[in-house]
Amino acid sequence: YPDETNTIQDTALFSGGDKVVSAKNFKGGTLTAMFGGSNIDLTTSDILQTTAVIDLFYLFGGSKIRVPRDWKVDFQVTKLFGDISDKRKIIENTNSEKQLIIKGLILFGGAEITN
């Protein structure tokens, strides 16, 4: 279902789901996954300020996060027996200053960032 708020709050405990965020001024949020995971689609969102921050905590879980092609993504994640993979198709020479910071902790889990 589409979520038109400016933040995302998603918790997946022994479950999962799909979430589409269509925020006109996305500011970030929190993602938590324990023995589950979610698909988060931000491709129809926009960042009006220069940065948005997503805090995540994954324990034996994870997510797939889709972002717009012109967003820059900065990873500040601590990983223990887990990983976060960047599978975006990077656009060269973009003038966009929009940046998504993903920070948090991954324990025995993972995330995949695509566009």
PDB file of N, CA and C in Angstrom:
ATOM      1  N   TYR A   1       0.832  -1.180   0.000  1.00  0.00           N
ATOM      2  CA  TYR A   1       0.000   0.000   0.000  1.00  0.00           C
ATOM      3  C   TYR A   1       0.873   1.238   0.000  1.00  0.00           C
ATOM      4  N   PRO A   2       0.472   2.327  -0.658  1.00  0.00           N
ATOM      5  CA  PRO A   2       1.297   3.530  -0.685  1.00  0.00           C
ATOM      6  C   PRO A   2       1.248   4.277   0.636  1.00  0.00           C
ATOM      7  N   ASP A   3       2.393   4.801   1.050  1.00  0.00           N
ATOM      8  CA  ASP A   3       2.511   5.573   2.282  1.00  0.00           C
ATOM      9  C   ASP A   3       2.980   6.971   1.886  1.00  0.00           C
ATOM     10  N   GLU A   4       2.166   7.990   2.165  1.00  0.00           N
ATOM     11  CA  GLU A   4       2.485   9.338   1.717  1.00  0.00           C
ATOM     12  C   GLU A   4       3.014  10.224   2.834  1.00  0.00           C
ATOM     13  N   THR A   5       3.417   9.654   3.967  1.00  0.00           N
ATOM     14  CA  THR A   5       4.029  10.459   5.012  1.00  0.00           C
ATOM     15  C   THR A   5       5.473  10.742   4.631  1.00  0.00           C
ATOM     16  N   ASN A   6       6.130  11.600   5.376  1.00  0.00           N
ATOM     17  CA  ASN A   6       7.496  11.983   5.056  1.00  0.00           C
ATOM     18  C   ASN A   6       8.539  11.082   5.698  1.00  0.00           C
ATOM     19  N   THR A   7       8.113  10.099   6.464  1.00  0.00           N
ATOM     20  CA  THR A   7       9.048   9.164   7.088  1.00  0.00           C
ATOM     21  C   THR A   7       8.554   7.738   6.879  1.00  0.00           C
ATOM     22  N   ILE A   8       9.440   6.797   7.169  1.00  0.00           N
ATOM     23  CA  ILE A   8       9.063   5.391   7.106  1.00  0.00           C
ATOM     24  C   ILE A   8       9.369   4.741   8.449  1.00  0.00           C
ATOM     25  N   GLN A   9       8.444   3.946   8.915  1.00  0.00           N
ATOM     26  CA  GLN A   9       8.620   3.130  10.111  1.00  0.00           C
ATOM     27  C   GLN A   9       8.169   1.733   9.712  1.00  0.00           C
ATOM     28  N   ASP A  10       9.103   0.789   9.668  1.00  0.00           N
ATOM     29  CA  ASP A  10       8.734  -0.564   9.257  1.00  0.00           C
ATOM     30  C   ASP A  10       9.403  -1.567  10.179  1.00  0.00           C
ATOM     31  N   THR A  11       8.601  -2.489  10.709  1.00  0.00           N
ATOM     32  CA  THR A  11       9.096  -3.554  11.573  1.00  0.00           C
ATOM     33  C   THR A  11       8.609  -4.883  11.018  1.00  0.00           C
ATOM     34  N   ALA A  12       9.559  -5.800  10.799  1.00  0.00           N
ATOM     35  CA  ALA A  12       9.220  -7.138  10.307  1.00  0.00           C
ATOM     36  C   ALA A  12       9.752  -8.154  11.309  1.00  0.00           C
ATOM     37  N   LEU A  13       8.861  -8.757  12.087  1.00  0.00           N
ATOM     38  CA  LEU A  13       9.216  -9.779  13.063  1.00  0.00           C
ATOM     39  C   LEU A  13       8.629 -11.101  12.608  1.00  0.00           C
ATOM     40  N   PHE A  14       9.484 -12.037  12.221  1.00  0.00           N
ATOM     41  CA  PHE A  14       9.047 -13.335  11.720  1.00  0.00           C
ATOM     42  C   PHE A  14       8.062 -13.187  10.561  1.00  0.00           C
ATOM     43  N   SER A  15       8.173 -12.110   9.814  1.00  0.00           N
ATOM     44  CA  SER A  15       7.247 -11.858   8.712  1.00  0.00           C
ATOM     45  C   SER A  15       7.906 -10.915   7.714  1.00  0.00           C
ATOM     46  N   GLY A  16       7.123 -10.425   6.797  1.00  0.00           N
ATOM     47  CA  GLY A  16       7.637  -9.492   5.807  1.00  0.00           C
ATOM     48  C   GLY A  16       6.515  -8.822   5.074  1.00  0.00           C
ATOM     49  N   GLY A  17       6.875  -7.974   4.152  1.00  0.00           N
ATOM     50  CA  GLY A  17       5.850  -7.288   3.383  1.00  0.00           C
ATOM     51  C   GLY A  17       6.473  -6.313   2.416  1.00  0.00           C
ATOM     52  N   ASP A  18       5.604  -5.621   1.700  1.00  0.00           N
ATOM     53  CA  ASP A  18       6.012  -4.629   0.725  1.00  0.00           C
ATOM     54  C   ASP A  18       5.473  -3.275   1.157  1.00  0.00           C
ATOM     55  N   LYS A  19       6.297  -2.231   1.005  1.00  0.00           N
ATOM     56  CA  LYS A  19       5.844  -0.892   1.348  1.00  0.00           C
ATOM     57  C   LYS A  19       6.340   0.078   0.284  1.00  0.00           C
ATOM     58  N   VAL A  20       5.423   0.902  -0.220  1.00  0.00           N
ATOM     59  CA  VAL A  20       5.742   1.947  -1.187  1.00  0.00           C
ATOM     60  C   VAL A  20       5.597   3.283  -0.479  1.00  0.00           C
ATOM     61  N   VAL A  21       6.656   4.089  -0.515  1.00  0.00           N
ATOM     62  CA  VAL A  21       6.635   5.408   0.126  1.00  0.00           C
ATOM     63  C   VAL A  21       6.679   6.460  -0.970  1.00  0.00           C
ATOM     64  N   SER A  22       5.652   7.298  -1.018  1.00  0.00           N
ATOM     65  CA  SER A  22       5.561   8.354  -2.033  1.00  0.00           C
ATOM     66  C   SER A  22       5.622   9.717  -1.358  1.00  0.00           C
ATOM     67  N   ALA A  23       6.650   9.944  -0.570  1.00  0.00           N
ATOM     68  CA  ALA A  23       6.790  11.196   0.171  1.00  0.00           C
ATOM     69  C   ALA A  23       7.328  12.293  -0.731  1.00  0.00           C
ATOM     70  N   LYS A  24       6.737  13.473  -0.631  1.00  0.00           N
ATOM     71  CA  LYS A  24       7.226  14.614  -1.412  1.00  0.00           C
ATOM     72  C   LYS A  24       8.428  15.263  -0.737  1.00  0.00           C
ATOM     73  N   ASN A  25       8.602  15.022   0.576  1.00  0.00           N
ATOM     74  CA  ASN A  25       9.729  15.559   1.330  1.00  0.00           C
ATOM     75  C   ASN A  25      10.232  14.474   2.283  1.00  0.00           C
ATOM     76  N   PHE A  26      10.795  13.398   1.709  1.00  0.00           N
ATOM     77  CA  PHE A  26      11.236  12.258   2.508  1.00  0.00           C
ATOM     78  C   PHE A  26      12.348  12.672   3.458  1.00  0.00           C
ATOM     79  N   LYS A  27      12.183  12.314   4.745  1.00  0.00           N
ATOM     80  CA  LYS A  27      13.156  12.700   5.770  1.00  0.00           C
ATOM     81  C   LYS A  27      13.896  11.511   6.353  1.00  0.00           C
ATOM     82  N   GLY A  28      13.415  10.286   6.103  1.00  0.00           N
ATOM     83  CA  GLY A  28      14.081   9.099   6.621  1.00  0.00           C
ATOM     84  C   GLY A  28      13.145   8.278   7.479  1.00  0.00           C
ATOM     85  N   GLY A  29      13.731   7.544   8.445  1.00  0.00           N
ATOM     86  CA  GLY A  29      12.914   6.724   9.329  1.00  0.00           C
ATOM     87  C   GLY A  29      13.703   5.584   9.902  1.00  0.00           C
ATOM     88  N   THR A  30      12.983   4.536  10.323  1.00  0.00           N
ATOM     89  CA  THR A  30      13.620   3.363  10.922  1.00  0.00           C
ATOM     90  C   THR A  30      13.100   2.092  10.276  1.00  0.00           C
ATOM     91  N   LEU A  31      14.016   1.141  10.086  1.00  0.00           N
ATOM     92  CA  LEU A  31      13.682  -0.183   9.573  1.00  0.00           C
ATOM     93  C   LEU A  31      14.215  -1.211  10.559  1.00  0.00           C
ATOM     94  N   THR A  32      13.364  -2.126  10.979  1.00  0.00           N
ATOM     95  CA  THR A  32      13.754  -3.188  11.899  1.00  0.00           C
ATOM     96  C   THR A  32      13.285  -4.510  11.320  1.00  0.00           C
ATOM     97  N   ALA A  33      14.186  -5.489  11.295  1.00  0.00           N
ATOM     98  CA  ALA A  33      13.823  -6.823  10.805  1.00  0.00           C
ATOM     99  C   ALA A  33      14.489  -7.859  11.698  1.00  0.00           C
ATOM    100  N   MET A  34      13.679  -8.724  12.268  1.00  0.00           N
ATOM    101  CA  MET A  34      14.174  -9.840  13.074  1.00  0.00           C
ATOM    102  C   MET A  34      13.513 -11.101  12.562  1.00  0.00           C
ATOM    103  N   PHE A  35      14.303 -11.977  11.949  1.00  0.00           N
ATOM    104  CA  PHE A  35      13.805 -13.213  11.356  1.00  0.00           C
ATOM    105  C   PHE A  35      12.731 -12.932  10.312  1.00  0.00           C
ATOM    106  N   GLY A  36      12.855 -11.815   9.606  1.00  0.00           N
ATOM    107  CA  GLY A  36      11.911 -11.443   8.564  1.00  0.00           C
ATOM    108  C   GLY A  36      12.528 -10.378   7.691  1.00  0.00           C
ATOM    109  N   GLY A  37      11.713  -9.789   6.830  1.00  0.00           N
ATOM    110  CA  GLY A  37      12.232  -8.749   5.957  1.00  0.00           C
ATOM    111  C   GLY A  37      11.143  -8.054   5.189  1.00  0.00           C
ATOM    112  N   SER A  38      11.518  -6.937   4.558  1.00  0.00           N
ATOM    113  CA  SER A  38      10.555  -6.139   3.810  1.00  0.00           C
ATOM    114  C   SER A  38      11.158  -5.644   2.510  1.00  0.00           C
ATOM    115  N   ASN A  39      10.286  -5.330   1.582  1.00  0.00           N
ATOM    116  CA  ASN A  39      10.664  -4.648   0.350  1.00  0.00           C
ATOM    117  C   ASN A  39      10.179  -3.211   0.475  1.00  0.00           C
ATOM    118  N   ILE A  40      11.123  -2.263   0.443  1.00  0.00           N
ATOM    119  CA  ILE A  40      10.805  -0.852   0.608  1.00  0.00           C
ATOM    120  C   ILE A  40      11.063  -0.147  -0.716  1.00  0.00           C
ATOM    121  N   ASP A  41      10.039   0.499  -1.270  1.00  0.00           N
ATOM    122  CA  ASP A  41      10.154   1.195  -2.549  1.00  0.00           C
ATOM    123  C   ASP A  41      10.047   2.701  -2.319  1.00  0.00           C
ATOM    124  N   LEU A  42      11.174   3.399  -2.499  1.00  0.00           N
ATOM    125  CA  LEU A  42      11.218   4.852  -2.347  1.00  0.00           C
ATOM    126  C   LEU A  42      11.322   5.561  -3.700  1.00  0.00           C
ATOM    127  N   THR A  43      11.163   4.844  -4.795  1.00  0.00           N
ATOM    128  CA  THR A  43      11.439   5.399  -6.126  1.00  0.00           C
ATOM    129  C   THR A  43      10.523   6.557  -6.517  1.00  0.00           C
ATOM    130  N   THR A  44       9.376   6.694  -5.875  1.00  0.00           N
ATOM    131  CA  THR A  44       8.483   7.811  -6.181  1.00  0.00           C
ATOM    132  C   THR A  44       8.577   8.914  -5.132  1.00  0.00           C
ATOM    133  N   SER A  45       9.556   8.827  -4.246  1.00  0.00           N
ATOM    134  CA  SER A  45       9.764   9.847  -3.213  1.00  0.00           C
ATOM    135  C   SER A  45      10.756  10.893  -3.684  1.00  0.00           C
ATOM    136  N   ASP A  46      10.780  12.009  -2.950  1.00  0.00           N
ATOM    137  CA  ASP A  46      11.718  13.083  -3.243  1.00  0.00           C
ATOM    138  C   ASP A  46      12.269  13.614  -1.920  1.00  0.00           C
ATOM    139  N   ILE A  47      13.498  14.116  -1.969  1.00  0.00           N
ATOM    140  CA  ILE A  47      14.128  14.740  -0.807  1.00  0.00           C
ATOM    141  C   ILE A  47      14.250  16.224  -1.122  1.00  0.00           C
ATOM    142  N   LEU A  48      13.613  17.081  -0.300  1.00  0.00           N
ATOM    143  CA  LEU A  48      13.692  18.524  -0.529  1.00  0.00           C
ATOM    144  C   LEU A  48      14.911  19.126   0.166  1.00  0.00           C
ATOM    145  N   GLN A  49      15.233  18.636   1.360  1.00  0.00           N
ATOM    146  CA  GLN A  49      16.458  19.066   2.024  1.00  0.00           C
ATOM    147  C   GLN A  49      17.609  18.277   1.400  1.00  0.00           C
ATOM    148  N   THR A  50      18.824  18.458   1.864  1.00  0.00           N
ATOM    149  CA  THR A  50      19.935  17.775   1.203  1.00  0.00           C
ATOM    150  C   THR A  50      20.097  16.324   1.632  1.00  0.00           C
ATOM    151  N   THR A  51      19.681  15.953   2.851  1.00  0.00           N
ATOM    152  CA  THR A  51      19.864  14.571   3.299  1.00  0.00           C
ATOM    153  C   THR A  51      18.631  14.020   4.003  1.00  0.00           C
ATOM    154  N   ALA A  52      18.512  12.712   3.937  1.00  0.00           N
ATOM    155  CA  ALA A  52      17.525  11.951   4.693  1.00  0.00           C
ATOM    156  C   ALA A  52      18.281  10.796   5.324  1.00  0.00           C
ATOM    157  N   VAL A  53      17.842  10.347   6.514  1.00  0.00           N
ATOM    158  CA  VAL A  53      18.560   9.307   7.250  1.00  0.00           C
ATOM    159  C   VAL A  53      17.617   8.163   7.588  1.00  0.00           C
ATOM    160  N   ILE A  54      18.044   6.947   7.228  1.00  0.00           N
ATOM    161  CA  ILE A  54      17.324   5.739   7.637  1.00  0.00           C
ATOM    162  C   ILE A  54      18.198   5.000   8.638  1.00  0.00           C
ATOM    163  N   ASP A  55      17.652   4.749   9.831  1.00  0.00           N
ATOM    164  CA  ASP A  55      18.317   3.937  10.835  1.00  0.00           C
ATOM    165  C   ASP A  55      17.775   2.526  10.710  1.00  0.00           C
ATOM    166  N   LEU A  56      18.668   1.544  10.663  1.00  0.00           N
ATOM    167  CA  LEU A  56      18.185   0.168  10.561  1.00  0.00           C
ATOM    168  C   LEU A  56      18.820  -0.737  11.610  1.00  0.00           C
ATOM    169  N   PHE A  57      18.074  -1.759  11.958  1.00  0.00           N
ATOM    170  CA  PHE A  57      18.558  -2.826  12.824  1.00  0.00           C
ATOM    171  C   PHE A  57      18.019  -4.130  12.262  1.00  0.00           C
ATOM    172  N   TYR A  58      18.932  -5.016  11.820  1.00  0.00           N
ATOM    173  CA  TYR A  58      18.546  -6.306  11.268  1.00  0.00           C
ATOM    174  C   TYR A  58      19.216  -7.407  12.065  1.00  0.00           C
ATOM    175  N   LEU A  59      18.418  -8.345  12.555  1.00  0.00           N
ATOM    176  CA  LEU A  59      18.906  -9.518  13.263  1.00  0.00           C
ATOM    177  C   LEU A  59      18.300 -10.739  12.585  1.00  0.00           C
ATOM    178  N   PHE A  60      19.108 -11.500  11.852  1.00  0.00           N
ATOM    179  CA  PHE A  60      18.624 -12.648  11.070  1.00  0.00           C
ATOM    180  C   PHE A  60      17.495 -12.222  10.135  1.00  0.00           C
ATOM    181  N   GLY A  61      17.601 -11.011   9.590  1.00  0.00           N
ATOM    182  CA  GLY A  61      16.585 -10.505   8.676  1.00  0.00           C
ATOM    183  C   GLY A  61      17.191  -9.452   7.783  1.00  0.00           C
ATOM    184  N   GLY A  62      16.341  -8.777   7.025  1.00  0.00           N
ATOM    185  CA  GLY A  62      16.854  -7.752   6.144  1.00  0.00           C
ATOM    186  C   GLY A  62      15.785  -7.143   5.275  1.00  0.00           C
ATOM    187  N   SER A  63      16.243  -6.432   4.243  1.00  0.00           N
ATOM    188  CA  SER A  63      15.291  -5.791   3.347  1.00  0.00           C
ATOM    189  C   SER A  63      15.938  -5.491   2.002  1.00  0.00           C
ATOM    190  N   LYS A  64      15.072  -5.188   1.066  1.00  0.00           N
ATOM    191  CA  LYS A  64      15.497  -4.681  -0.236  1.00  0.00           C
ATOM    192  C   LYS A  64      14.928  -3.269  -0.316  1.00  0.00           C
ATOM    193  N   ILE A  65      15.804  -2.304  -0.566  1.00  0.00           N
ATOM    194  CA  ILE A  65      15.403  -0.904  -0.595  1.00  0.00           C
ATOM    195  C   ILE A  65      15.658  -0.353  -1.997  1.00  0.00           C
ATOM    196  N   ARG A  66      14.606   0.150  -2.643  1.00  0.00           N
ATOM    197  CA  ARG A  66      14.737   0.766  -3.969  1.00  0.00           C
ATOM    198  C   ARG A  66      14.697   2.272  -3.804  1.00  0.00           C
ATOM    199  N   VAL A  67      15.667   2.964  -4.409  1.00  0.00           N
ATOM    200  CA  VAL A  67      15.762   4.414  -4.299  1.00  0.00           C
ATOM    201  C   VAL A  67      15.731   5.044  -5.697  1.00  0.00           C
ATOM    202  N   PRO A  68      15.395   6.339  -5.795  1.00  0.00           N
ATOM    203  CA  PRO A  68      15.446   7.009  -7.094  1.00  0.00           C
ATOM    204  C   PRO A  68      16.864   7.033  -7.656  1.00  0.00           C
ATOM    205  N   ARG A  69      16.969   7.085  -8.958  1.00  0.00           N
ATOM    206  CA  ARG A  69      18.273   7.018  -9.632  1.00  0.00           C
ATOM    207  C   ARG A  69      19.190   8.196  -9.313  1.00  0.00           C
ATOM    208  N   ASP A  70      18.626   9.349  -8.981  1.00  0.00           N
ATOM    209  CA  ASP A  70      19.474  10.525  -8.766  1.00  0.00           C
ATOM    210  C   ASP A  70      19.897  10.712  -7.301  1.00  0.00           C
ATOM    211  N   TRP A  71      19.509   9.805  -6.414  1.00  0.00           N
ATOM    212  CA  TRP A  71      19.926   9.912  -5.017  1.00  0.00           C
ATOM    213  C   TRP A  71      21.313   9.324  -4.830  1.00  0.00           C
ATOM    214  N   LYS A  72      22.114   9.999  -4.042  1.00  0.00           N
ATOM    215  CA  LYS A  72      23.389   9.449  -3.602  1.00  0.00           C
ATOM    216  C   LYS A  72      23.114   8.704  -2.301  1.00  0.00           C
ATOM    217  N   VAL A  73      23.793   7.579  -2.082  1.00  0.00           N
ATOM    218  CA  VAL A  73      23.567   6.778  -0.880  1.00  0.00           C
ATOM    219  C   VAL A  73      24.893   6.627  -0.143  1.00  0.00           C
ATOM    220  N   ASP A  74      24.868   6.947   1.151  1.00  0.00           N
ATOM    221  CA  ASP A  74      26.042   6.836   2.009  1.00  0.00           C
ATOM    222  C   ASP A  74      25.752   5.759   3.053  1.00  0.00           C
ATOM    223  N   PHE A  75      26.619   4.754   3.113  1.00  0.00           N
ATOM    224  CA  PHE A  75      26.430   3.637   4.036  1.00  0.00           C
ATOM    225  C   PHE A  75      27.283   3.846   5.283  1.00  0.00           C
ATOM    226  N   GLN A  76      26.638   3.861   6.439  1.00  0.00           N
ATOM    227  CA  GLN A  76      27.313   3.970   7.729  1.00  0.00           C
ATOM    228  C   GLN A  76      26.788   2.847   8.620  1.00  0.00           C
ATOM    229  N   VAL A  77      27.000   1.612   8.155  1.00  0.00           N
ATOM    230  CA  VAL A  77      26.406   0.436   8.782  1.00  0.00           C
ATOM    231  C   VAL A  77      27.496  -0.449   9.373  1.00  0.00           C
ATOM    232  N   THR A  78      27.271  -0.903  10.603  1.00  0.00           N
ATOM    233  CA  THR A  78      28.138  -1.893  11.229  1.00  0.00           C
ATOM    234  C   THR A  78      27.568  -3.267  10.918  1.00  0.00           C
ATOM    235  N   LYS A  79      28.429  -4.169  10.414  1.00  0.00           N
ATOM    236  CA  LYS A  79      27.971  -5.493   9.987  1.00  0.00           C
ATOM    237  C   LYS A  79      28.730  -6.572  10.743  1.00  0.00           C
ATOM    238  N   LEU A  80      27.998  -7.521  11.303  1.00  0.00           N
ATOM    239  CA  LEU A  80      28.583  -8.686  11.953  1.00  0.00           C
ATOM    240  C   LEU A  80      27.901  -9.916  11.374  1.00  0.00           C
ATOM    241  N   PHE A  81      28.622 -10.676  10.560  1.00  0.00           N
ATOM    242  CA  PHE A  81      28.063 -11.824   9.846  1.00  0.00           C
ATOM    243  C   PHE A  81      26.853 -11.414   9.007  1.00  0.00           C
ATOM    244  N   GLY A  82      26.943 -10.238   8.400  1.00  0.00           N
ATOM    245  CA  GLY A  82      25.894  -9.738   7.532  1.00  0.00           C
ATOM    246  C   GLY A  82      26.502  -8.808   6.506  1.00  0.00           C
ATOM    247  N   ASP A  83      25.671  -8.271   5.631  1.00  0.00           N
ATOM    248  CA  ASP A  83      26.196  -7.383   4.596  1.00  0.00           C
ATOM    249  C   ASP A  83      25.091  -6.479   4.077  1.00  0.00           C
ATOM    250  N   ILE A  84      25.513  -5.402   3.433  1.00  0.00           N
ATOM    251  CA  ILE A  84      24.606  -4.528   2.706  1.00  0.00           C
ATOM    252  C   ILE A  84      25.220  -4.344   1.325  1.00  0.00           C
ATOM    253  N   SER A  85      24.478  -4.695   0.291  1.00  0.00           N
ATOM    254  CA  SER A  85      25.040  -4.639  -1.059  1.00  0.00           C
ATOM    255  C   SER A  85      24.386  -3.519  -1.852  1.00  0.00           C
ATOM    256  N   ASP A  86      25.227  -2.810  -2.576  1.00  0.00           N
ATOM    257  CA  ASP A  86      24.788  -1.689  -3.400  1.00  0.00           C
ATOM    258  C   ASP A  86      24.713  -2.173  -4.851  1.00  0.00           C
ATOM    259  N   LYS A  87      23.509  -2.385  -5.350  1.00  0.00           N
ATOM    260  CA  LYS A  87      23.314  -2.875  -6.712  1.00  0.00           C
ATOM    261  C   LYS A  87      22.656  -1.826  -7.598  1.00  0.00           C
ATOM    262  N   ARG A  88      22.862  -0.554  -7.243  1.00  0.00           N
ATOM    263  CA  ARG A  88      22.280   0.531  -8.036  1.00  0.00           C
ATOM    264  C   ARG A  88      23.034   0.715  -9.343  1.00  0.00           C
ATOM    265  N   LYS A  89      22.340   1.217 -10.333  1.00  0.00           N
ATOM    266  CA  LYS A  89      22.964   1.665 -11.569  1.00  0.00           C
ATOM    267  C   LYS A  89      23.260   3.146 -11.360  1.00  0.00           C
ATOM    268  N   ILE A  90      24.534   3.460 -11.254  1.00  0.00           N
ATOM    269  CA  ILE A  90      24.953   4.808 -10.900  1.00  0.00           C
ATOM    270  C   ILE A  90      24.859   5.723 -12.114  1.00  0.00           C
ATOM    271  N   ILE A  91      24.286   6.902 -11.917  1.00  0.00           N
ATOM    272  CA  ILE A  91      24.215   7.916 -12.963  1.00  0.00           C
ATOM    273  C   ILE A  91      25.426   8.828 -12.786  1.00  0.00           C
ATOM    274  N   GLU A  92      26.239   8.896 -13.808  1.00  0.00           N
ATOM    275  CA  GLU A  92      27.410   9.781 -13.771  1.00  0.00           C
ATOM    276  C   GLU A  92      26.983  11.212 -14.080  1.00  0.00           C
ATOM    277  N   ASN A  93      27.731  12.153 -13.545  1.00  0.00           N
ATOM    278  CA  ASN A  93      27.533  13.582 -13.812  1.00  0.00           C
ATOM    279  C   ASN A  93      26.154  14.088 -13.420  1.00  0.00           C
ATOM    280  N   THR A  94      25.570  13.532 -12.369  1.00  0.00           N
ATOM    281  CA  THR A  94      24.299  14.056 -11.899  1.00  0.00           C
ATOM    282  C   THR A  94      24.560  15.280 -11.030  1.00  0.00           C
ATOM    283  N   ASN A  95      23.733  16.287 -11.156  1.00  0.00           N
ATOM    284  CA  ASN A  95      23.872  17.511 -10.370  1.00  0.00           C
ATOM    285  C   ASN A  95      23.052  17.441  -9.090  1.00  0.00           C
ATOM    286  N   SER A  96      22.444  16.325  -8.825  1.00  0.00           N
ATOM    287  CA  SER A  96      21.593  16.173  -7.661  1.00  0.00           C
ATOM    288  C   SER A  96      22.417  16.181  -6.373  1.00  0.00           C
ATOM    289  N   GLU A  97      21.915  16.903  -5.391  1.00  0.00           N
ATOM    290  CA  GLU A  97      22.548  16.945  -4.069  1.00  0.00           C
ATOM    291  C   GLU A  97      21.782  16.084  -3.072  1.00  0.00           C
ATOM    292  N   LYS A  98      20.802  15.341  -3.532  1.00  0.00           N
ATOM    293  CA  LYS A  98      19.963  14.531  -2.648  1.00  0.00           C
ATOM    294  C   LYS A  98      20.745  13.317  -2.167  1.00  0.00           C
ATOM    295  N   GLN A  99      20.815  13.158  -0.847  1.00  0.00           N
ATOM    296  CA  GLN A  99      21.607  12.076  -0.284  1.00  0.00           C
ATOM    297  C   GLN A  99      20.797  11.334   0.770  1.00  0.00           C
ATOM    298  N   LEU A 100      20.834  10.010   0.661  1.00  0.00           N
ATOM    299  CA  LEU A 100      20.232   9.137   1.661  1.00  0.00           C
ATOM    300  C   LEU A 100      21.359   8.514   2.466  1.00  0.00           C
ATOM    301  N   ILE A 101      21.321   8.701   3.781  1.00  0.00           N
ATOM    302  CA  ILE A 101      22.297   8.079   4.674  1.00  0.00           C
ATOM    303  C   ILE A 101      21.622   6.880   5.312  1.00  0.00           C
ATOM    304  N   ILE A 102      22.235   5.712   5.149  1.00  0.00           N
ATOM    305  CA  ILE A 102      21.729   4.495   5.778  1.00  0.00           C
ATOM    306  C   ILE A 102      22.718   4.114   6.855  1.00  0.00           C
ATOM    307  N   LYS A 103      22.242   4.099   8.103  1.00  0.00           N
ATOM    308  CA  LYS A 103      23.130   3.763   9.209  1.00  0.00           C
ATOM    309  C   LYS A 103      22.436   2.777  10.127  1.00  0.00           C
ATOM    310  N   GLY A 104      23.246   2.055  10.904  1.00  0.00           N
ATOM    311  CA  GLY A 104      22.663   1.111  11.836  1.00  0.00           C
ATOM    312  C   GLY A 104      23.522  -0.114  12.013  1.00  0.00           C
ATOM    313  N   LEU A 105      22.860  -1.235  12.357  1.00  0.00           N
ATOM    314  CA  LEU A 105      23.533  -2.479  12.716  1.00  0.00           C
ATOM    315  C   LEU A 105      22.870  -3.657  12.016  1.00  0.00           C
ATOM    316  N   ILE A 106      23.705  -4.502  11.406  1.00  0.00           N
ATOM    317  CA  ILE A 106      23.226  -5.728  10.773  1.00  0.00           C
ATOM    318  C   ILE A 106      23.936  -6.902  11.432  1.00  0.00           C
ATOM    319  N   LEU A 107      23.168  -7.793  12.056  1.00  0.00           N
ATOM    320  CA  LEU A 107      23.686  -9.005  12.684  1.00  0.00           C
ATOM    321  C   LEU A 107      23.077 -10.217  11.996  1.00  0.00           C
ATOM    322  N   PHE A 108      23.875 -11.007  11.317  1.00  0.00           N
ATOM    323  CA  PHE A 108      23.401 -12.212  10.634  1.00  0.00           C
ATOM    324  C   PHE A 108      22.254 -11.913   9.676  1.00  0.00           C
ATOM    325  N   GLY A 109      22.310 -10.786   9.003  1.00  0.00           N
ATOM    326  CA  GLY A 109      21.241 -10.407   8.077  1.00  0.00           C
ATOM    327  C   GLY A 109      21.815  -9.682   6.893  1.00  0.00           C
ATOM    328  N   GLY A 110      20.957  -8.985   6.170  1.00  0.00           N
ATOM    329  CA  GLY A 110      21.468  -8.279   5.013  1.00  0.00           C
ATOM    330  C   GLY A 110      20.461  -7.322   4.420  1.00  0.00           C
ATOM    331  N   ALA A 111      20.986  -6.483   3.536  1.00  0.00           N
ATOM    332  CA  ALA A 111      20.144  -5.526   2.810  1.00  0.00           C
ATOM    333  C   ALA A 111      20.703  -5.395   1.397  1.00  0.00           C
ATOM    334  N   GLU A 112      19.810  -5.028   0.499  1.00  0.00           N
ATOM    335  CA  GLU A 112      20.190  -4.793  -0.891  1.00  0.00           C
ATOM    336  C   GLU A 112      19.580  -3.466  -1.311  1.00  0.00           C
ATOM    337  N   ILE A 113      20.428  -2.587  -1.876  1.00  0.00           N
ATOM    338  CA  ILE A 113      19.979  -1.290  -2.340  1.00  0.00           C
ATOM    339  C   ILE A 113      19.983  -1.308  -3.873  1.00  0.00           C
ATOM    340  N   THR A 114      18.849  -0.993  -4.472  1.00  0.00           N
ATOM    341  CA  THR A 114      18.727  -0.951  -5.928  1.00  0.00           C
ATOM    342  C   THR A 114      18.013   0.340  -6.335  1.00  0.00           C
ATOM    343  N   ASN A 115      17.944   0.556  -7.654  1.00  0.00           N
ATOM    344  CA  ASN A 115      17.136   1.672  -8.141  1.00  0.00           C
ATOM    345  C   ASN A 115      16.345   1.236  -9.352  1.00  0.00           C
TER     346      ASN A 115
END
